[in-house]
Amino acid sequence: MSINSFGHLFRVTTWGESHGPALGATVDGCPPGVPIDEAMIQQWMDKRKPGQNKYTTQRREADEVRILSGVFEGMTTGTPIQLMIENTDQRSKDYGDIMDKFRPGHADITYFQKYGIRDYRGGGRSSARETASRVAAGGLAREAIKAIAPNVQITGYMVQMGPHKIDRDAFDWDQIEQNPFWVPDAQAAGDWAAYLDGLRKSGSSVGAIIEVTARGVPAGLGAPVYGKLDTDLAAAMMSINAVKGVEIGEGMSAAMLTGELNADEISMGPEGPVYSSNHAGGILGGISTGQDIVVRFAVKPTSSILTTRKTITKSGEDTEIITKGRHDPCVGIRAVPVGEAMMACVLLDHMLLHRGQVGENQGHIG
């Protein structure tokens, strides 16, 4: 079964484990002639890599990506592209005490129940380290999107940490890369720093909500019923480690609105349809409207904490556990570039599907 792959025409297969020698992605279906080199991908890897500040895991990984195939003289060839990232700072001994215990809130127990074997060194495939492969593939997808739709901009940011939300009235795109939380609110960034510092020192963790916006996306991407753009976006975001919920546009809050408030009114502008609002998140009937695509996902708190927790062993005995090692007090911080990468992969995939089925949009308004 191809359960380690996602995408239709732009298809990504990730491989490797948290504490293995390397991990990476095999990308098939990338169009030929896309200018690409390792530095173009590395800029996105650097956003996700651990150890950049005190608010993320102190595991020190360069996360240097190598292109092993599918690129010749700086251009994609249309053949499979192999991307590899070496693991250089694993400390497997940190997990020796839990080899026979299951961490509450972690995938340890379900992996063992399914396969009868598990990689206890950091969680293996269930580790957030797997997402490095996705970011590498997303970097490639971004470069391919430039050739098809150069106006597309994909930006992720944190809108909530634990109970603390940003002030939407203070939203500032320029603030996102000015703080360690990728938050578009300068006041929130300062407040959250003190809040997370306290949690970090106590050995605990907290969850977060990430929003990813794609601007400049053309209308027409996606297909009815089973090929919806929002279906694939939801699946892509839900597949990220530690994600427990996904929303498109207004999301769950749409249930509280009346029809008058929820439906985005349409008028004709000089360059085509103009919408009065964007409760739909840029997607209607599974097809992009030309507005911003807006997706949010909730990331649970890191399960590996220093607080003593009750659990069981593989032999079924009751016991207690404290998880040692280096862990993110808020894994949502490093989930921001992962969400961006998944958005890029899905959008490119749907651009290729759209081009293959209809070429240019068939319905012209005005």
Protein backbone atom coordinates (compact mmCIF):
# COMPACT_ATOMS: atom_id res chain seq x y z
CA MET A 1 0.00 0.00 0.00
CA SER A 2 1.21 3.50 -0.86
CA ILE A 3 0.52 4.83 2.61
CA ASN A 4 3.68 6.92 2.76
CA SER A 5 2.75 8.90 -0.37
CA PHE A 6 0.40 11.79 -1.11
CA GLY A 7 -0.66 13.74 -4.20
CA HIS A 8 -2.06 12.78 -7.59
CA LEU A 9 0.17 14.10 -10.40
CA PHE A 10 2.72 15.79 -8.13
CA ARG A 11 3.32 12.79 -5.88
CA VAL A 12 5.50 12.81 -2.77
CA THR A 13 6.73 9.74 -0.90
CA THR A 14 8.54 10.42 2.39
CA TRP A 15 10.90 7.92 3.97
CA GLY A 16 13.18 7.57 6.98
CA GLU A 17 12.98 7.77 10.75
CA SER A 18 13.81 10.25 13.48
CA HIS A 19 16.91 8.39 14.65
CA GLY A 20 17.92 6.61 11.45
CA PRO A 21 20.92 7.67 9.33
CA ALA A 22 18.80 9.88 7.06
CA LEU A 23 15.31 10.74 5.90
CA GLY A 24 13.92 12.36 2.79
CA ALA A 25 11.39 12.43 -0.01
CA THR A 26 11.01 10.96 -3.46
CA VAL A 27 9.07 13.38 -5.67
CA ASP A 28 7.51 12.14 -8.89
CA GLY A 29 5.57 14.23 -11.40
CA CYS A 30 7.43 17.50 -11.08
CA PRO A 31 7.32 19.27 -14.49
CA PRO A 32 10.60 19.41 -16.41
CA GLY A 33 12.50 22.64 -16.87
CA VAL A 34 11.95 24.04 -13.36
CA PRO A 35 15.11 25.87 -12.17
CA ILE A 36 16.13 24.30 -8.86
CA ASP A 37 19.17 23.81 -6.68
CA GLU A 38 19.78 22.82 -3.09
CA ALA A 39 20.00 26.43 -1.88
CA MET A 40 16.48 27.15 -3.16
CA ILE A 41 15.13 24.31 -1.01
CA GLN A 42 17.43 25.03 1.93
CA GLN A 43 15.86 28.43 2.65
CA TRP A 44 12.64 26.63 3.61
CA MET A 45 14.47 23.90 5.52
CA ASP A 46 16.12 26.58 7.65
CA LYS A 47 12.69 27.83 8.78
CA ARG A 48 11.83 24.40 10.19
CA LYS A 49 15.14 23.10 11.51
CA PRO A 50 15.47 22.52 15.27
CA GLY A 51 17.68 24.33 17.74
CA GLN A 52 17.24 27.86 16.36
CA ASN A 53 16.14 29.36 19.67
CA LYS A 54 15.20 28.39 23.22
CA TYR A 55 11.55 27.88 22.26
CA THR A 56 12.23 24.80 20.11
CA THR A 57 13.93 21.45 20.68
CA GLN A 58 17.67 21.80 21.27
CA ARG A 59 18.46 18.93 18.94
CA ARG A 60 21.10 20.39 16.60
CA GLU A 61 20.47 19.40 13.00
CA ALA A 62 21.78 21.33 9.99
CA ASP A 63 18.92 19.84 7.94
CA GLU A 64 21.01 20.19 4.81
CA VAL A 65 19.12 18.82 1.83
CA ARG A 66 20.85 16.94 -0.99
CA ILE A 67 19.37 16.40 -4.45
CA LEU A 68 20.34 12.91 -5.61
CA SER A 69 18.38 12.59 -8.85
CA GLY A 70 15.98 14.23 -11.28
CA VAL A 71 17.95 17.47 -11.76
CA PHE A 72 20.48 18.18 -14.50
CA GLU A 73 22.37 21.43 -15.02
CA GLY A 74 20.09 23.22 -12.56
CA MET A 75 16.82 22.09 -14.14
CA THR A 76 14.31 19.38 -13.27
CA THR A 77 14.26 16.67 -15.92
CA GLY A 78 10.71 15.37 -15.38
CA THR A 79 12.04 12.18 -13.76
CA PRO A 80 11.79 11.27 -10.04
CA ILE A 81 13.64 13.66 -7.73
CA GLN A 82 15.28 12.17 -4.67
CA LEU A 83 15.81 14.52 -1.72
CA MET A 84 17.87 13.41 1.29
CA ILE A 85 18.50 14.97 4.71
CA GLU A 86 21.04 13.30 7.00
CA ASN A 87 20.42 12.93 10.74
CA THR A 88 23.54 14.09 12.56
CA ASP A 89 22.53 14.77 16.18
CA GLN A 90 20.43 11.83 17.31
CA ARG A 91 20.72 10.75 20.96
CA SER A 92 19.02 7.38 20.96
CA LYS A 93 20.24 6.67 24.51
CA ASP A 94 17.78 9.31 25.76
CA TYR A 95 14.99 6.84 24.95
CA GLY A 96 16.46 3.71 26.54
CA ASP A 97 14.26 4.06 29.62
CA ILE A 98 11.04 3.95 27.59
CA MET A 99 11.76 1.06 25.23
CA ASP A 100 9.17 -1.08 27.05
CA LYS A 101 6.81 1.73 28.08
CA PHE A 102 4.19 3.66 26.09
CA ARG A 103 4.19 7.46 26.26
CA PRO A 104 0.68 8.86 26.96
CA GLY A 105 -0.58 10.96 24.07
CA HIS A 106 2.01 9.49 21.70
CA ALA A 107 1.72 7.02 18.82
CA ASP A 108 3.90 4.45 20.60
CA ILE A 109 0.98 2.30 21.68
CA THR A 110 -0.93 2.32 18.39
CA TYR A 111 2.17 1.63 16.28
CA PHE A 112 2.89 -1.40 18.48
CA GLN A 113 -0.72 -2.61 18.41
CA LYS A 114 -0.75 -2.41 14.61
CA TYR A 115 2.72 -3.69 13.66
CA GLY A 116 3.91 -5.62 16.72
CA ILE A 117 7.12 -3.60 16.64
CA ARG A 118 7.97 0.07 17.14
CA ASP A 119 10.99 2.31 16.91
CA TYR A 120 11.10 3.78 20.42
CA ARG A 121 14.02 6.11 19.53
CA GLY A 122 12.08 9.33 19.24
CA GLY A 123 9.05 7.67 17.71
CA GLY A 124 10.46 6.68 14.33
CA ARG A 125 7.98 7.67 11.62
CA SER A 126 5.59 9.22 14.16
CA SER A 127 8.21 11.81 15.11
CA ALA A 128 7.83 15.41 13.96
CA ARG A 129 11.26 14.93 12.40
CA GLU A 130 9.47 13.27 9.46
CA THR A 131 8.14 16.69 8.47
CA ALA A 132 11.61 17.78 7.30
CA SER A 133 10.98 15.63 4.23
CA ARG A 134 7.72 17.44 3.53
CA VAL A 135 9.37 20.85 3.76
CA ALA A 136 12.01 19.76 1.25
CA ALA A 137 9.29 18.60 -1.17
CA GLY A 138 7.36 21.82 -0.53
CA GLY A 139 10.41 23.89 -1.47
CA LEU A 140 10.51 22.10 -4.80
CA ALA A 141 6.76 22.63 -5.26
CA ARG A 142 7.13 26.38 -4.65
CA GLU A 143 9.65 26.68 -7.47
CA ALA A 144 7.38 24.77 -9.84
CA ILE A 145 4.42 26.99 -8.90
CA LYS A 146 6.45 30.06 -9.88
CA ALA A 147 6.56 28.79 -13.45
CA ILE A 148 2.79 28.19 -13.58
CA ALA A 149 1.32 30.92 -11.39
CA PRO A 150 4.06 33.40 -10.42
CA ASN A 151 1.72 35.59 -8.35
CA VAL A 152 1.00 32.89 -5.77
CA GLN A 153 2.31 33.67 -2.27
CA ILE A 154 2.07 31.09 0.53
CA THR A 155 2.45 32.34 4.10
CA GLY A 156 1.95 30.51 7.37
CA TYR A 157 1.72 32.04 10.83
CA MET A 158 0.57 31.22 14.34
CA VAL A 159 -2.76 32.69 15.44
CA GLN A 160 -3.11 31.03 18.85
CA MET A 161 -0.79 29.51 21.47
CA GLY A 162 -2.66 27.65 24.19
CA PRO A 163 -5.50 29.98 25.26
CA HIS A 164 -3.78 33.10 23.89
CA LYS A 165 -5.00 34.47 20.53
CA ILE A 166 -3.67 37.19 18.27
CA ASP A 167 -5.47 40.52 17.91
CA ARG A 168 -6.82 40.37 14.35
CA ASP A 169 -7.07 44.16 14.30
CA ALA A 170 -3.29 44.31 14.83
CA PHE A 171 -2.51 41.79 12.05
CA ASP A 172 0.77 42.76 10.34
CA TRP A 173 2.25 40.60 7.56
CA ASP A 174 5.66 42.19 8.11
CA GLN A 175 5.77 40.98 11.73
CA ILE A 176 5.63 37.28 10.85
CA GLU A 177 9.36 36.84 10.29
CA GLN A 178 10.34 39.26 13.04
CA ASN A 179 9.71 36.91 15.99
CA PRO A 180 10.36 33.24 16.86
CA PHE A 181 6.66 32.29 16.77
CA TRP A 182 5.84 33.43 13.21
CA VAL A 183 3.04 35.54 14.69
CA PRO A 184 1.60 38.59 12.82
CA ASP A 185 1.04 40.55 16.03
CA ALA A 186 4.00 42.22 17.78
CA GLN A 187 2.21 42.50 21.14
CA ALA A 188 1.24 38.83 21.11
CA ALA A 189 4.80 37.82 20.26
CA GLY A 190 6.10 39.53 23.39
CA ASP A 191 3.37 38.14 25.63
CA TRP A 192 3.74 34.62 24.30
CA ALA A 193 7.51 34.64 24.88
CA ALA A 194 7.04 35.01 28.64
CA TYR A 195 4.20 32.47 28.68
CA LEU A 196 6.14 29.80 26.78
CA ASP A 197 9.33 30.42 28.73
CA GLY A 198 7.51 29.47 31.91
CA LEU A 199 6.15 26.29 30.37
CA ARG A 200 9.56 25.39 28.95
CA LYS A 201 11.29 25.75 32.31
CA SER A 202 8.63 23.62 33.99
CA GLY A 203 9.17 20.81 31.45
CA SER A 204 5.63 21.06 30.10
CA SER A 205 4.23 21.92 26.65
CA VAL A 206 1.29 23.61 24.95
CA GLY A 207 -0.64 23.43 21.69
CA ALA A 208 -1.20 26.01 18.97
CA ILE A 209 -3.32 26.98 15.97
CA ILE A 210 -1.58 27.68 12.68
CA GLU A 211 -3.11 29.55 9.75
CA VAL A 212 -1.79 29.23 6.19
CA THR A 213 -2.88 31.70 3.52
CA ALA A 214 -2.22 31.36 -0.19
CA ARG A 215 -2.65 34.66 -2.05
CA GLY A 216 -2.86 35.02 -5.81
CA VAL A 217 -4.31 31.54 -6.40
CA PRO A 218 -6.23 31.46 -9.71
CA ALA A 219 -9.90 30.48 -9.84
CA GLY A 220 -10.79 27.01 -11.07
CA LEU A 221 -8.50 24.69 -9.07
CA GLY A 222 -10.21 21.60 -7.68
CA ALA A 223 -13.04 19.41 -8.90
CA PRO A 224 -16.53 18.49 -7.68
CA VAL A 225 -17.30 15.87 -5.05
CA TYR A 226 -14.21 13.63 -4.66
CA GLY A 227 -11.58 15.89 -6.14
CA LYS A 228 -12.24 18.98 -4.03
CA LEU A 229 -9.35 21.31 -3.36
CA ASP A 230 -10.42 21.69 0.26
CA THR A 231 -10.65 17.90 0.66
CA ASP A 232 -7.01 17.49 -0.32
CA LEU A 233 -5.91 20.48 1.74
CA ALA A 234 -7.69 19.13 4.82
CA ALA A 235 -6.14 15.69 4.33
CA ALA A 236 -2.69 17.20 3.81
CA MET A 237 -2.83 19.31 6.96
CA MET A 238 -4.41 16.51 9.00
CA SER A 239 -1.54 14.20 8.03
CA ILE A 240 1.00 16.46 9.76
CA ASN A 241 2.25 14.97 13.03
CA ALA A 242 0.31 16.18 16.11
CA VAL A 243 -2.48 17.89 14.11
CA LYS A 244 -5.95 17.22 15.58
CA GLY A 245 -8.23 19.56 13.63
CA VAL A 246 -8.45 21.46 10.32
CA GLU A 247 -10.65 24.35 9.17
CA ILE A 248 -11.15 26.00 5.79
CA GLY A 249 -12.21 29.65 5.83
CA GLU A 250 -14.76 30.29 8.57
CA GLY A 251 -14.55 26.62 9.52
CA MET A 252 -16.45 25.52 12.61
CA SER A 253 -17.57 29.09 13.24
CA ALA A 254 -19.73 28.94 10.10
CA ALA A 255 -22.20 26.89 12.13
CA MET A 256 -22.95 30.00 14.20
CA LEU A 257 -23.71 32.24 11.23
CA THR A 258 -26.92 32.86 9.32
CA GLY A 259 -27.08 32.41 5.58
CA GLU A 260 -27.02 36.17 5.08
CA LEU A 261 -23.81 36.53 7.04
CA ASN A 262 -22.00 33.46 5.77
CA ALA A 263 -22.49 33.76 1.98
CA ASP A 264 -19.86 36.03 0.42
CA GLU A 265 -21.70 38.56 -1.77
CA ILE A 266 -20.41 39.02 -5.33
CA SER A 267 -20.10 42.13 -7.49
CA MET A 268 -18.36 42.77 -10.79
CA GLY A 269 -15.02 44.51 -10.69
CA PRO A 270 -12.79 45.79 -13.50
CA GLU A 271 -10.87 42.50 -13.62
CA GLY A 272 -13.67 40.05 -12.79
CA PRO A 273 -15.79 38.96 -9.80
CA VAL A 274 -15.19 40.70 -6.48
CA TYR A 275 -16.32 39.19 -3.16
CA SER A 276 -17.46 41.25 -0.18
CA SER A 277 -15.89 38.83 2.32
CA ASN A 278 -14.12 35.48 2.44
CA HIS A 279 -16.01 33.23 4.82
CA ALA A 280 -15.55 30.41 2.29
CA GLY A 281 -11.77 30.54 2.59
CA GLY A 282 -11.36 30.96 -1.14
CA ILE A 283 -13.09 27.69 -2.08
CA LEU A 284 -16.69 27.06 -3.21
CA GLY A 285 -17.91 23.60 -4.17
CA GLY A 286 -14.35 22.32 -3.86
CA ILE A 287 -13.08 24.78 -6.50
CA SER A 288 -10.95 27.89 -5.88
CA THR A 289 -12.69 31.27 -6.33
CA GLY A 290 -9.60 33.38 -6.94
CA GLN A 291 -9.70 34.74 -3.39
CA ASP A 292 -7.13 33.93 -0.73
CA ILE A 293 -7.09 30.26 0.25
CA VAL A 294 -7.24 30.20 4.07
CA VAL A 295 -6.59 27.02 6.09
CA ARG A 296 -6.16 26.61 9.84
CA PHE A 297 -5.02 23.57 11.78
CA ALA A 298 -4.73 22.79 15.49
CA VAL A 299 -1.54 21.23 16.84
CA LYS A 300 -1.74 19.38 20.14
CA PRO A 301 0.85 19.85 22.93
CA THR A 302 4.05 17.84 22.64
CA SER A 303 3.42 14.50 24.35
CA SER A 304 7.01 14.11 25.57
CA ILE A 305 7.15 16.09 28.83
CA LEU A 306 9.08 15.91 32.09
CA THR A 307 5.99 15.51 34.25
CA THR A 308 5.48 12.02 35.69
CA ARG A 309 2.57 10.28 33.92
CA LYS A 310 0.82 6.96 34.44
CA THR A 311 1.17 4.36 31.68
CA ILE A 312 1.64 0.64 30.99
CA THR A 313 4.43 -1.58 29.71
CA LYS A 314 4.38 -3.92 26.71
CA SER A 315 3.72 -6.77 29.10
CA GLY A 316 0.62 -4.97 30.45
CA GLU A 317 1.95 -3.81 33.81
CA ASP A 318 0.98 -0.44 35.31
CA THR A 319 3.91 1.95 35.67
CA GLU A 320 4.96 5.59 35.44
CA ILE A 321 6.99 7.45 32.85
CA ILE A 322 9.04 10.63 32.46
CA THR A 323 10.23 11.38 28.93
CA LYS A 324 13.82 12.56 28.71
CA GLY A 325 15.41 14.02 25.61
CA ARG A 326 15.09 17.30 23.75
CA HIS A 327 11.56 18.32 22.85
CA ASP A 328 9.59 21.33 21.64
CA PRO A 329 7.61 23.13 24.37
CA CYS A 330 5.29 24.20 21.51
CA VAL A 331 5.72 22.05 18.42
CA GLY A 332 3.29 24.39 16.65
CA ILE A 333 6.16 26.83 16.08
CA ARG A 334 7.96 24.50 13.69
CA ALA A 335 4.66 23.36 12.20
CA VAL A 336 4.33 26.72 10.41
CA PRO A 337 6.77 25.92 7.55
CA VAL A 338 5.33 22.40 7.38
CA GLY A 339 1.83 23.80 6.78
CA GLU A 340 3.25 26.08 4.09
CA ALA A 341 4.93 23.10 2.42
CA MET A 342 1.75 21.03 2.39
CA MET A 343 -0.18 23.97 0.91
CA ALA A 344 2.43 24.28 -1.84
CA CYS A 345 2.35 20.57 -2.67
CA VAL A 346 -1.46 20.45 -2.85
CA LEU A 347 -1.74 23.64 -4.93
CA LEU A 348 0.86 22.46 -7.45
CA ASP A 349 -0.84 19.09 -7.69
CA HIS A 350 -4.19 20.74 -8.44
CA MET A 351 -2.62 23.13 -10.93
CA LEU A 352 -1.27 20.15 -12.85
CA LEU A 353 -4.61 18.33 -12.62
CA HIS A 354 -6.45 21.43 -13.83
CA ARG A 355 -4.06 21.95 -16.71
CA GLY A 356 -4.39 18.31 -17.72
CA GLN A 357 -8.20 18.32 -17.72
CA VAL A 358 -9.29 21.74 -19.01
CA GLY A 359 -6.13 23.71 -19.81
CA GLU A 360 -7.41 27.26 -19.37
CA ASN A 361 -10.61 28.07 -17.46
CA GLN A 362 -13.63 27.56 -19.73
CA GLY A 363 -16.12 29.95 -18.08
CA HIS A 364 -15.34 33.60 -18.71
CA ILE A 365 -17.36 36.25 -16.85
CA GLY A 366 -17.95 39.74 -18.23
